[in-house]
C-alpha atoms as a PDB file:
ATOM      1  CA  MET A   1      24.779  87.315 138.870  1.00  0.00           C
ATOM      2  CA  ASN A   2      27.743  88.329 140.978  1.00  0.00           C
ATOM      3  CA  GLU A   3      30.875  88.782 138.801  1.00  0.00           C
ATOM      4  CA  THR A   4      33.225  87.748 141.625  1.00  0.00           C
ATOM      5  CA  HIS A   5      31.827  84.199 141.481  1.00  0.00           C
ATOM      6  CA  THR A   6      31.884  83.851 137.689  1.00  0.00           C
ATOM      7  CA  LYS A   7      34.314  81.279 136.296  1.00  0.00           C
ATOM      8  CA  HIS A   8      35.656  82.151 132.857  1.00  0.00           C
ATOM      9  CA  LEU A   9      36.052  79.046 130.726  1.00  0.00           C
ATOM     10  CA  LYS A  10      38.897  78.669 128.278  1.00  0.00           C
ATOM     11  CA  PRO A  11      38.494  77.077 124.865  1.00  0.00           C
ATOM     12  CA  TRP A  12      40.353  73.762 125.061  1.00  0.00           C
ATOM     13  CA  GLY A  13      40.499  70.803 122.725  1.00  0.00           C
ATOM     14  CA  VAL A  14      41.177  67.253 123.897  1.00  0.00           C
ATOM     15  CA  TYR A  15      43.158  64.941 121.604  1.00  0.00           C
ATOM     16  CA  GLN A  16      43.681  61.209 122.024  1.00  0.00           C
ATOM     17  CA  PHE A  17      46.925  59.560 120.886  1.00  0.00           C
ATOM     18  CA  PRO A  18      48.180  55.950 121.072  1.00  0.00           C
ATOM     19  CA  TRP A  19      50.415  56.912 124.047  1.00  0.00           C
ATOM     20  CA  GLY A  20      47.873  59.058 125.967  1.00  0.00           C
ATOM     21  CA  ILE A  21      45.783  62.230 125.866  1.00  0.00           C
ATOM     22  CA  ALA A  22      46.745  65.891 125.347  1.00  0.00           C
ATOM     23  CA  THR A  23      44.896  69.193 125.740  1.00  0.00           C
ATOM     24  CA  LYS A  24      45.454  72.137 123.437  1.00  0.00           C
ATOM     25  CA  HIS A  25      44.299  75.751 123.661  1.00  0.00           C
ATOM     26  CA  ARG A  26      42.285  77.102 120.733  1.00  0.00           C
ATOM     27  CA  LYS A  27      45.131  79.488 119.826  1.00  0.00           C
ATOM     28  CA  GLY A  28      47.358  76.468 119.193  1.00  0.00           C
ATOM     29  CA  ASP A  29      49.510  76.010 122.313  1.00  0.00           C
ATOM     30  CA  TRP A  30      49.631  72.581 123.960  1.00  0.00           C
ATOM     31  CA  ASP A  31      48.742  72.760 127.638  1.00  0.00           C
ATOM     32  CA  ARG A  32      48.927  69.325 129.290  1.00  0.00           C
ATOM     33  CA  VAL A  33      49.625  65.734 128.361  1.00  0.00           C
ATOM     34  CA  PHE A  34      48.391  62.689 130.251  1.00  0.00           C
ATOM     35  CA  ILE A  35      50.402  59.460 130.033  1.00  0.00           C
ATOM     36  CA  SER A  36      48.962  56.569 132.067  1.00  0.00           C
ATOM     37  CA  LEU A  37      48.174  58.223 135.415  1.00  0.00           C
ATOM     38  CA  GLN A  38      50.741  61.024 135.062  1.00  0.00           C
ATOM     39  CA  GLU A  39      49.862  64.624 134.145  1.00  0.00           C
ATOM     40  CA  ILE A  40      52.615  66.738 132.555  1.00  0.00           C
ATOM     41  CA  ASP A  41      52.336  70.526 132.168  1.00  0.00           C
ATOM     42  CA  VAL A  42      53.830  71.515 128.793  1.00  0.00           C
ATOM     43  CA  SER A  43      52.284  75.002 128.644  1.00  0.00           C
ATOM     44  CA  ARG A  44      55.675  76.752 128.988  1.00  0.00           C
ATOM     45  CA  LEU A  45      57.496  74.433 126.571  1.00  0.00           C
ATOM     46  CA  ASP A  46      57.816  74.571 122.800  1.00  0.00           C
ATOM     47  CA  VAL A  47      56.617  71.057 121.942  1.00  0.00           C
ATOM     48  CA  VAL A  48      55.456  68.980 119.001  1.00  0.00           C
ATOM     49  CA  VAL A  49      52.768  66.460 119.946  1.00  0.00           C
ATOM     50  CA  ASN A  50      51.786  63.688 117.524  1.00  0.00           C
ATOM     51  CA  ASP A  51      51.117  59.930 117.301  1.00  0.00           C
ATOM     52  CA  ASP A  52      54.827  59.176 117.774  1.00  0.00           C
ATOM     53  CA  GLY A  53      55.069  61.030 121.103  1.00  0.00           C
ATOM     54  CA  ILE A  54      56.159  64.408 122.464  1.00  0.00           C
ATOM     55  CA  LEU A  55      59.174  66.313 121.108  1.00  0.00           C
ATOM     56  CA  ILE A  56      60.422  69.112 123.352  1.00  0.00           C
ATOM     57  CA  LYS A  57      62.077  71.767 121.187  1.00  0.00           C
ATOM     58  CA  GLY A  58      62.806  74.245 123.973  1.00  0.00           C
ATOM     59  CA  ILE A  59      61.402  76.524 126.661  1.00  0.00           C
ATOM     60  CA  ARG A  60      59.039  79.250 125.483  1.00  0.00           C
ATOM     61  CA  GLU A  61      60.079  82.799 126.378  1.00  0.00           C
ATOM     62  CA  GLU A  62      57.462  84.806 128.271  1.00  0.00           C
END
Protein backbone atom coordinates (compact mmCIF):
# COMPACT_ATOMS: atom_id res chain seq x y z
CA MET A 1 0.00 0.00 0.00
CA ASN A 2 1.28 3.44 -0.87
CA GLU A 3 1.55 5.64 2.27
CA THR A 4 0.86 8.85 0.33
CA HIS A 5 -2.71 7.66 -0.34
CA THR A 6 -3.45 6.46 3.20
CA LYS A 7 -6.11 8.41 5.09
CA HIS A 8 -5.58 8.47 8.84
CA LEU A 9 -8.89 8.29 10.68
CA LYS A 10 -9.47 10.16 13.91
CA PRO A 11 -11.42 8.71 16.82
CA TRP A 12 -14.66 10.70 16.96
CA GLY A 13 -17.84 10.20 18.92
CA VAL A 14 -21.24 11.41 17.72
CA TYR A 15 -23.75 12.62 20.33
CA GLN A 16 -27.40 13.45 19.77
CA PHE A 17 -29.11 16.20 21.78
CA PRO A 18 -32.66 17.63 21.70
CA TRP A 19 -31.35 20.68 19.76
CA GLY A 20 -29.06 18.82 17.30
CA ILE A 21 -25.95 16.66 16.98
CA ALA A 22 -22.35 17.21 18.13
CA THR A 23 -19.06 15.43 17.44
CA LYS A 24 -16.36 15.03 20.06
CA HIS A 25 -12.76 13.84 19.79
CA ARG A 26 -11.76 10.89 21.97
CA LYS A 27 -9.43 13.14 24.01
CA GLY A 28 -12.47 15.17 25.08
CA ASP A 29 -12.56 18.27 22.85
CA TRP A 30 -15.80 19.11 21.03
CA ASP A 31 -15.25 19.50 17.30
CA ARG A 32 -18.49 20.41 15.50
CA VAL A 33 -22.15 20.93 16.27
CA PHE A 34 -25.00 20.56 13.80
CA ILE A 35 -28.20 22.55 14.39
CA SER A 36 -30.88 22.02 11.73
CA LEU A 37 -28.90 22.32 8.48
CA GLN A 38 -26.11 24.48 9.94
CA GLU A 39 -22.64 23.16 10.84
CA ILE A 40 -20.66 25.11 13.46
CA ASP A 41 -16.94 24.52 14.07
CA VAL A 42 -16.28 24.74 17.83
CA SER A 43 -12.86 23.06 17.77
CA ARG A 44 -11.02 26.27 18.76
CA LEU A 45 -13.55 27.29 21.43
CA ASP A 46 -13.80 26.32 25.08
CA VAL A 47 -17.41 25.08 25.15
CA VAL A 48 -19.80 23.11 27.32
CA VAL A 49 -22.25 21.03 25.28
CA ASN A 50 -25.28 19.43 26.96
CA ASP A 51 -29.05 18.92 26.59
CA ASP A 52 -29.69 22.60 27.34
CA GLY A 53 -27.49 23.85 24.48
CA ILE A 54 -23.97 25.17 23.89
CA LEU A 55 -22.17 27.45 26.36
CA ILE A 56 -19.13 29.23 24.94
CA LYS A 57 -16.69 29.93 27.78
CA GLY A 58 -13.92 31.42 25.64
CA ILE A 59 -11.40 30.89 22.86
CA ARG A 60 -8.85 28.13 23.42
CA GLU A 61 -5.21 29.23 23.26
CA GLU A 62 -3.06 27.30 20.78
